[in-house]
Amino acid sequence: MKIEVLGSGCANCKKLEENTRTACKELGLTAKIIKVQDFKKIASYGVMATPALVVDGEVKIYGRVPDVKEIKELLKG
């Protein structure tokens, strides 16, 4: 599983990355988590509001920071 955290590196982006790592750990997933700060790459996903969470190439959440529980539900689905 490849997970990308899209954003500029702001506090919300860092919180999304932290919540995602926690969710993966709690689920026992060995996902590759990548921080993406290149705005051209972010725009290529059609994301206009960060932070955003992309799982295996599919945008799951953007423009807000989901809690660990919500991220776990997204990763299980």
PDB file of N, CA and C in Angstrom:
ATOM      1  N   MET A   1       0.846  -1.176   0.000  1.00  0.00           N
ATOM      2  CA  MET A   1       0.000   0.000   0.000  1.00  0.00           C
ATOM      3  C   MET A   1       0.889   1.235   0.000  1.00  0.00           C
ATOM      4  N   LYS A   2       0.542   2.187  -0.847  1.00  0.00           N
ATOM      5  CA  LYS A   2       1.280   3.442  -0.936  1.00  0.00           C
ATOM      6  C   LYS A   2       0.350   4.571  -0.490  1.00  0.00           C
ATOM      7  N   ILE A   3       0.789   5.310   0.509  1.00  0.00           N
ATOM      8  CA  ILE A   3       0.006   6.418   1.046  1.00  0.00           C
ATOM      9  C   ILE A   3       0.802   7.700   0.859  1.00  0.00           C
ATOM     10  N   GLU A   4       0.136   8.708   0.300  1.00  0.00           N
ATOM     11  CA  GLU A   4       0.781  10.005   0.109  1.00  0.00           C
ATOM     12  C   GLU A   4       0.044  11.057   0.927  1.00  0.00           C
ATOM     13  N   VAL A   5       0.815  11.860   1.649  1.00  0.00           N
ATOM     14  CA  VAL A   5       0.272  12.984   2.385  1.00  0.00           C
ATOM     15  C   VAL A   5       0.661  14.225   1.591  1.00  0.00           C
ATOM     16  N   LEU A   6      -0.336  14.908   1.034  1.00  0.00           N
ATOM     17  CA  LEU A   6      -0.084  16.066   0.196  1.00  0.00           C
ATOM     18  C   LEU A   6      -0.230  17.344   1.006  1.00  0.00           C
ATOM     19  N   GLY A   7       0.738  18.229   0.882  1.00  0.00           N
ATOM     20  CA  GLY A   7       0.651  19.512   1.566  1.00  0.00           C
ATOM     21  C   GLY A   7       1.964  20.247   1.590  1.00  0.00           C
ATOM     22  N   SER A   8       1.893  21.470   2.087  1.00  0.00           N
ATOM     23  CA  SER A   8       3.049  22.362   2.057  1.00  0.00           C
ATOM     24  C   SER A   8       4.022  22.133   3.210  1.00  0.00           C
ATOM     25  N   GLY A   9       3.616  21.341   4.182  1.00  0.00           N
ATOM     26  CA  GLY A   9       4.457  21.144   5.359  1.00  0.00           C
ATOM     27  C   GLY A   9       3.948  21.924   6.558  1.00  0.00           C
ATOM     28  N   CYS A  10       2.739  22.435   6.451  1.00  0.00           N
ATOM     29  CA  CYS A  10       2.132  23.206   7.543  1.00  0.00           C
ATOM     30  C   CYS A  10       1.757  22.285   8.709  1.00  0.00           C
ATOM     31  N   ALA A  11       1.273  22.882   9.786  1.00  0.00           N
ATOM     32  CA  ALA A  11       0.911  22.115  10.985  1.00  0.00           C
ATOM     33  C   ALA A  11      -0.166  21.075  10.678  1.00  0.00           C
ATOM     34  N   ASN A  12      -1.145  21.426   9.850  1.00  0.00           N
ATOM     35  CA  ASN A  12      -2.201  20.466   9.500  1.00  0.00           C
ATOM     36  C   ASN A  12      -1.652  19.293   8.695  1.00  0.00           C
ATOM     37  N   CYS A  13      -0.710  19.574   7.813  1.00  0.00           N
ATOM     38  CA  CYS A  13      -0.096  18.514   7.010  1.00  0.00           C
ATOM     39  C   CYS A  13       0.681  17.550   7.911  1.00  0.00           C
ATOM     40  N   LYS A  14       1.396  18.106   8.852  1.00  0.00           N
ATOM     41  CA  LYS A  14       2.166  17.282   9.781  1.00  0.00           C
ATOM     42  C   LYS A  14       1.243  16.446  10.662  1.00  0.00           C
ATOM     43  N   LYS A  15       0.118  17.019  11.076  1.00  0.00           N
ATOM     44  CA  LYS A  15      -0.845  16.287  11.902  1.00  0.00           C
ATOM     45  C   LYS A  15      -1.470  15.152  11.097  1.00  0.00           C
ATOM     46  N   LEU A  16      -1.768  15.393   9.822  1.00  0.00           N
ATOM     47  CA  LEU A  16      -2.324  14.339   8.975  1.00  0.00           C
ATOM     48  C   LEU A  16      -1.327  13.193   8.832  1.00  0.00           C
ATOM     49  N   GLU A  17      -0.056  13.521   8.635  1.00  0.00           N
ATOM     50  CA  GLU A  17       0.967  12.481   8.528  1.00  0.00           C
ATOM     51  C   GLU A  17       1.064  11.689   9.836  1.00  0.00           C
ATOM     52  N   GLU A  18       1.055  12.394  10.955  1.00  0.00           N
ATOM     53  CA  GLU A  18       1.129  11.736  12.263  1.00  0.00           C
ATOM     54  C   GLU A  18      -0.070  10.805  12.480  1.00  0.00           C
ATOM     55  N   ASN A  19      -1.278  11.298  12.186  1.00  0.00           N
ATOM     56  CA  ASN A  19      -2.485  10.481  12.341  1.00  0.00           C
ATOM     57  C   ASN A  19      -2.457   9.264  11.418  1.00  0.00           C
ATOM     58  N   THR A  20      -1.932   9.440  10.208  1.00  0.00           N
ATOM     59  CA  THR A  20      -1.852   8.340   9.243  1.00  0.00           C
ATOM     60  C   THR A  20      -0.876   7.276   9.727  1.00  0.00           C
ATOM     61  N   ARG A  21       0.269   7.690  10.224  1.00  0.00           N
ATOM     62  CA  ARG A  21       1.245   6.733  10.754  1.00  0.00           C
ATOM     63  C   ARG A  21       0.669   5.968  11.946  1.00  0.00           C
ATOM     64  N   THR A  22      -0.050   6.669  12.812  1.00  0.00           N
ATOM     65  CA  THR A  22      -0.682   6.024  13.963  1.00  0.00           C
ATOM     66  C   THR A  22      -1.726   5.004  13.508  1.00  0.00           C
ATOM     67  N   ALA A  23      -2.551   5.382  12.546  1.00  0.00           N
ATOM     68  CA  ALA A  23      -3.587   4.483  12.029  1.00  0.00           C
ATOM     69  C   ALA A  23      -2.967   3.226  11.421  1.00  0.00           C
ATOM     70  N   CYS A  24      -1.914   3.389  10.645  1.00  0.00           N
ATOM     71  CA  CYS A  24      -1.238   2.239  10.031  1.00  0.00           C
ATOM     72  C   CYS A  24      -0.664   1.321  11.102  1.00  0.00           C
ATOM     73  N   LYS A  25      -0.059   1.914  12.115  1.00  0.00           N
ATOM     74  CA  LYS A  25       0.529   1.122  13.194  1.00  0.00           C
ATOM     75  C   LYS A  25      -0.551   0.337  13.926  1.00  0.00           C
ATOM     76  N   GLU A  26      -1.663   1.005  14.249  1.00  0.00           N
ATOM     77  CA  GLU A  26      -2.754   0.344  14.966  1.00  0.00           C
ATOM     78  C   GLU A  26      -3.394  -0.775  14.144  1.00  0.00           C
ATOM     79  N   LEU A  27      -3.396  -0.621  12.818  1.00  0.00           N
ATOM     80  CA  LEU A  27      -3.957  -1.654  11.937  1.00  0.00           C
ATOM     81  C   LEU A  27      -2.934  -2.734  11.577  1.00  0.00           C
ATOM     82  N   GLY A  28      -1.678  -2.501  11.925  1.00  0.00           N
ATOM     83  CA  GLY A  28      -0.630  -3.455  11.585  1.00  0.00           C
ATOM     84  C   GLY A  28      -0.264  -3.439  10.113  1.00  0.00           C
ATOM     85  N   LEU A  29      -0.471  -2.305   9.454  1.00  0.00           N
ATOM     86  CA  LEU A  29      -0.162  -2.175   8.026  1.00  0.00           C
ATOM     87  C   LEU A  29       1.292  -1.760   7.827  1.00  0.00           C
ATOM     88  N   THR A  30       1.900  -2.317   6.809  1.00  0.00           N
ATOM     89  CA  THR A  30       3.246  -1.899   6.435  1.00  0.00           C
ATOM     90  C   THR A  30       3.141  -1.086   5.148  1.00  0.00           C
ATOM     91  N   ALA A  31       2.606   0.098   5.279  1.00  0.00           N
ATOM     92  CA  ALA A  31       2.405   0.974   4.133  1.00  0.00           C
ATOM     93  C   ALA A  31       3.609   1.884   3.950  1.00  0.00           C
ATOM     94  N   LYS A  32       3.841   2.257   2.705  1.00  0.00           N
ATOM     95  CA  LYS A  32       4.875   3.241   2.391  1.00  0.00           C
ATOM     96  C   LYS A  32       4.210   4.609   2.430  1.00  0.00           C
ATOM     97  N   ILE A  33       4.620   5.450   3.390  1.00  0.00           N
ATOM     98  CA  ILE A  33       4.022   6.775   3.559  1.00  0.00           C
ATOM     99  C   ILE A  33       4.995   7.820   3.032  1.00  0.00           C
ATOM    100  N   ILE A  34       4.514   8.603   2.071  1.00  0.00           N
ATOM    101  CA  ILE A  34       5.344   9.589   1.393  1.00  0.00           C
ATOM    102  C   ILE A  34       4.751  10.977   1.584  1.00  0.00           C
ATOM    103  N   LYS A  35       5.597  11.941   1.933  1.00  0.00           N
ATOM    104  CA  LYS A  35       5.165  13.332   2.004  1.00  0.00           C
ATOM    105  C   LYS A  35       5.383  13.960   0.633  1.00  0.00           C
ATOM    106  N   VAL A  36       4.352  14.609   0.102  1.00  0.00           N
ATOM    107  CA  VAL A  36       4.442  15.269  -1.197  1.00  0.00           C
ATOM    108  C   VAL A  36       4.217  16.759  -0.994  1.00  0.00           C
ATOM    109  N   GLN A  37       5.246  17.545  -1.304  1.00  0.00           N
ATOM    110  CA  GLN A  37       5.151  18.993  -1.151  1.00  0.00           C
ATOM    111  C   GLN A  37       5.248  19.726  -2.483  1.00  0.00           C
ATOM    112  N   ASP A  38       5.423  18.998  -3.564  1.00  0.00           N
ATOM    113  CA  ASP A  38       5.520  19.599  -4.899  1.00  0.00           C
ATOM    114  C   ASP A  38       4.115  19.966  -5.378  1.00  0.00           C
ATOM    115  N   PHE A  39       3.876  21.258  -5.570  1.00  0.00           N
ATOM    116  CA  PHE A  39       2.534  21.718  -5.905  1.00  0.00           C
ATOM    117  C   PHE A  39       2.054  21.217  -7.264  1.00  0.00           C
ATOM    118  N   LYS A  40       2.954  20.972  -8.202  1.00  0.00           N
ATOM    119  CA  LYS A  40       2.536  20.401  -9.488  1.00  0.00           C
ATOM    120  C   LYS A  40       2.007  18.984  -9.291  1.00  0.00           C
ATOM    121  N   LYS A  41       2.677  18.222  -8.464  1.00  0.00           N
ATOM    122  CA  LYS A  41       2.232  16.850  -8.160  1.00  0.00           C
ATOM    123  C   LYS A  41       0.890  16.884  -7.428  1.00  0.00           C
ATOM    124  N   ILE A  42       0.768  17.794  -6.457  1.00  0.00           N
ATOM    125  CA  ILE A  42      -0.487  17.922  -5.716  1.00  0.00           C
ATOM    126  C   ILE A  42      -1.620  18.289  -6.678  1.00  0.00           C
ATOM    127  N   ALA A  43      -1.379  19.259  -7.547  1.00  0.00           N
ATOM    128  CA  ALA A  43      -2.397  19.687  -8.508  1.00  0.00           C
ATOM    129  C   ALA A  43      -2.754  18.572  -9.484  1.00  0.00           C
ATOM    130  N   SER A  44      -1.801  17.675  -9.770  1.00  0.00           N
ATOM    131  CA  SER A  44      -2.078  16.577 -10.712  1.00  0.00           C
ATOM    132  C   SER A  44      -3.160  15.638 -10.178  1.00  0.00           C
ATOM    133  N   TYR A  45      -3.381  15.655  -8.871  1.00  0.00           N
ATOM    134  CA  TYR A  45      -4.458  14.863  -8.268  1.00  0.00           C
ATOM    135  C   TYR A  45      -5.783  15.621  -8.261  1.00  0.00           C
ATOM    136  N   GLY A  46      -5.766  16.881  -8.696  1.00  0.00           N
ATOM    137  CA  GLY A  46      -6.969  17.699  -8.675  1.00  0.00           C
ATOM    138  C   GLY A  46      -7.264  18.281  -7.302  1.00  0.00           C
ATOM    139  N   VAL A  47      -6.285  18.226  -6.416  1.00  0.00           N
ATOM    140  CA  VAL A  47      -6.453  18.730  -5.052  1.00  0.00           C
ATOM    141  C   VAL A  47      -6.138  20.225  -5.037  1.00  0.00           C
ATOM    142  N   MET A  48      -7.108  21.009  -4.579  1.00  0.00           N
ATOM    143  CA  MET A  48      -6.900  22.450  -4.508  1.00  0.00           C
ATOM    144  C   MET A  48      -6.818  22.942  -3.062  1.00  0.00           C
ATOM    145  N   ALA A  49      -7.112  22.060  -2.115  1.00  0.00           N
ATOM    146  CA  ALA A  49      -7.041  22.414  -0.695  1.00  0.00           C
ATOM    147  C   ALA A  49      -6.288  21.316   0.040  1.00  0.00           C
ATOM    148  N   THR A  50      -5.247  21.707   0.758  1.00  0.00           N
ATOM    149  CA  THR A  50      -4.461  20.734   1.506  1.00  0.00           C
ATOM    150  C   THR A  50      -4.757  20.890   2.980  1.00  0.00           C
ATOM    151  N   PRO A  51      -4.446  19.899   3.776  1.00  0.00           N
ATOM    152  CA  PRO A  51      -3.751  18.665   3.431  1.00  0.00           C
ATOM    153  C   PRO A  51      -4.687  17.689   2.730  1.00  0.00           C
ATOM    154  N   ALA A  52      -4.077  16.685   2.107  1.00  0.00           N
ATOM    155  CA  ALA A  52      -4.849  15.650   1.437  1.00  0.00           C
ATOM    156  C   ALA A  52      -4.187  14.302   1.673  1.00  0.00           C
ATOM    157  N   LEU A  53      -5.018  13.272   1.631  1.00  0.00           N
ATOM    158  CA  LEU A  53      -4.547  11.904   1.825  1.00  0.00           C
ATOM    159  C   LEU A  53      -4.872  11.105   0.573  1.00  0.00           C
ATOM    160  N   VAL A  54      -3.840  10.499  -0.017  1.00  0.00           N
ATOM    161  CA  VAL A  54      -3.996   9.697  -1.231  1.00  0.00           C
ATOM    162  C   VAL A  54      -3.558   8.278  -0.905  1.00  0.00           C
ATOM    163  N   VAL A  55      -4.430   7.316  -1.199  1.00  0.00           N
ATOM    164  CA  VAL A  55      -4.133   5.907  -0.942  1.00  0.00           C
ATOM    165  C   VAL A  55      -4.138   5.167  -2.265  1.00  0.00           C
ATOM    166  N   ASP A  56      -3.005   4.577  -2.613  1.00  0.00           N
ATOM    167  CA  ASP A  56      -2.846   3.850  -3.868  1.00  0.00           C
ATOM    168  C   ASP A  56      -3.366   4.647  -5.066  1.00  0.00           C
ATOM    169  N   GLY A  57      -3.010   5.938  -5.110  1.00  0.00           N
ATOM    170  CA  GLY A  57      -3.351   6.790  -6.240  1.00  0.00           C
ATOM    171  C   GLY A  57      -4.735   7.402  -6.200  1.00  0.00           C
ATOM    172  N   GLU A  58      -5.538   7.117  -5.178  1.00  0.00           N
ATOM    173  CA  GLU A  58      -6.899   7.639  -5.077  1.00  0.00           C
ATOM    174  C   GLU A  58      -6.991   8.640  -3.923  1.00  0.00           C
ATOM    175  N   VAL A  59      -7.474   9.852  -4.236  1.00  0.00           N
ATOM    176  CA  VAL A  59      -7.641  10.877  -3.211  1.00  0.00           C
ATOM    177  C   VAL A  59      -8.791  10.454  -2.295  1.00  0.00           C
ATOM    178  N   LYS A  60      -8.496  10.332  -1.011  1.00  0.00           N
ATOM    179  CA  LYS A  60      -9.497   9.899  -0.040  1.00  0.00           C
ATOM    180  C   LYS A  60     -10.073  11.067   0.762  1.00  0.00           C
ATOM    181  N   ILE A  61      -9.218  12.024   1.128  1.00  0.00           N
ATOM    182  CA  ILE A  61      -9.630  13.167   1.953  1.00  0.00           C
ATOM    183  C   ILE A  61      -8.803  14.367   1.515  1.00  0.00           C
ATOM    184  N   TYR A  62      -9.423  15.536   1.498  1.00  0.00           N
ATOM    185  CA  TYR A  62      -8.641  16.750   1.257  1.00  0.00           C
ATOM    186  C   TYR A  62      -9.289  17.931   1.966  1.00  0.00           C
ATOM    187  N   GLY A  63      -8.453  18.904   2.307  1.00  0.00           N
ATOM    188  CA  GLY A  63      -8.929  20.132   2.899  1.00  0.00           C
ATOM    189  C   GLY A  63      -9.204  20.088   4.393  1.00  0.00           C
ATOM    190  N   ARG A  64      -8.903  18.960   5.038  1.00  0.00           N
ATOM    191  CA  ARG A  64      -9.111  18.855   6.478  1.00  0.00           C
ATOM    192  C   ARG A  64      -8.244  17.740   7.041  1.00  0.00           C
ATOM    193  N   VAL A  65      -8.171  17.665   8.364  1.00  0.00           N
ATOM    194  CA  VAL A  65      -7.367  16.644   9.027  1.00  0.00           C
ATOM    195  C   VAL A  65      -8.303  15.643   9.711  1.00  0.00           C
ATOM    196  N   PRO A  66      -8.449  14.446   9.142  1.00  0.00           N
ATOM    197  CA  PRO A  66      -9.287  13.428   9.778  1.00  0.00           C
ATOM    198  C   PRO A  66      -8.585  12.859  11.009  1.00  0.00           C
ATOM    199  N   ASP A  67      -9.377  12.364  11.961  1.00  0.00           N
ATOM    200  CA  ASP A  67      -8.767  11.746  13.134  1.00  0.00           C
ATOM    201  C   ASP A  67      -8.303  10.329  12.802  1.00  0.00           C
ATOM    202  N   VAL A  68      -7.604   9.712  13.726  1.00  0.00           N
ATOM    203  CA  VAL A  68      -7.031   8.384  13.512  1.00  0.00           C
ATOM    204  C   VAL A  68      -8.126   7.366  13.180  1.00  0.00           C
ATOM    205  N   LYS A  69      -9.243   7.438  13.879  1.00  0.00           N
ATOM    206  CA  LYS A  69     -10.351   6.496  13.650  1.00  0.00           C
ATOM    207  C   LYS A  69     -10.847   6.568  12.209  1.00  0.00           C
ATOM    208  N   GLU A  70     -11.028   7.784  11.689  1.00  0.00           N
ATOM    209  CA  GLU A  70     -11.521   7.943  10.316  1.00  0.00           C
ATOM    210  C   GLU A  70     -10.501   7.420   9.305  1.00  0.00           C
ATOM    211  N   ILE A  71      -9.235   7.680   9.555  1.00  0.00           N
ATOM    212  CA  ILE A  71      -8.197   7.183   8.641  1.00  0.00           C
ATOM    213  C   ILE A  71      -8.175   5.659   8.647  1.00  0.00           C
ATOM    214  N   LYS A  72      -8.334   5.063   9.807  1.00  0.00           N
ATOM    215  CA  LYS A  72      -8.365   3.593   9.886  1.00  0.00           C
ATOM    216  C   LYS A  72      -9.523   3.045   9.054  1.00  0.00           C
ATOM    217  N   GLU A  73     -10.678   3.689   9.104  1.00  0.00           N
ATOM    218  CA  GLU A  73     -11.828   3.244   8.305  1.00  0.00           C
ATOM    219  C   GLU A  73     -11.524   3.358   6.806  1.00  0.00           C
ATOM    220  N   LEU A  74     -10.857   4.439   6.410  1.00  0.00           N
ATOM    221  CA  LEU A  74     -10.497   4.616   4.994  1.00  0.00           C
ATOM    222  C   LEU A  74      -9.519   3.528   4.539  1.00  0.00           C
ATOM    223  N   LEU A  75      -8.567   3.193   5.391  1.00  0.00           N
ATOM    224  CA  LEU A  75      -7.545   2.225   5.013  1.00  0.00           C
ATOM    225  C   LEU A  75      -8.097   0.802   4.995  1.00  0.00           C
ATOM    226  N   LYS A  76      -9.088   0.536   5.811  1.00  0.00           N
ATOM    227  CA  LYS A  76      -9.706  -0.801   5.828  1.00  0.00           C
ATOM    228  C   LYS A  76     -10.588  -1.016   4.610  1.00  0.00           C
ATOM    229  N   GLY A  77     -11.217   0.091   4.130  1.00  0.00           N
ATOM    230  CA  GLY A  77     -12.176   0.013   3.041  1.00  0.00           C
ATOM    231  C   GLY A  77     -11.539  -0.312   1.757  1.00  0.00           C
TER     232      GLY A  77
END
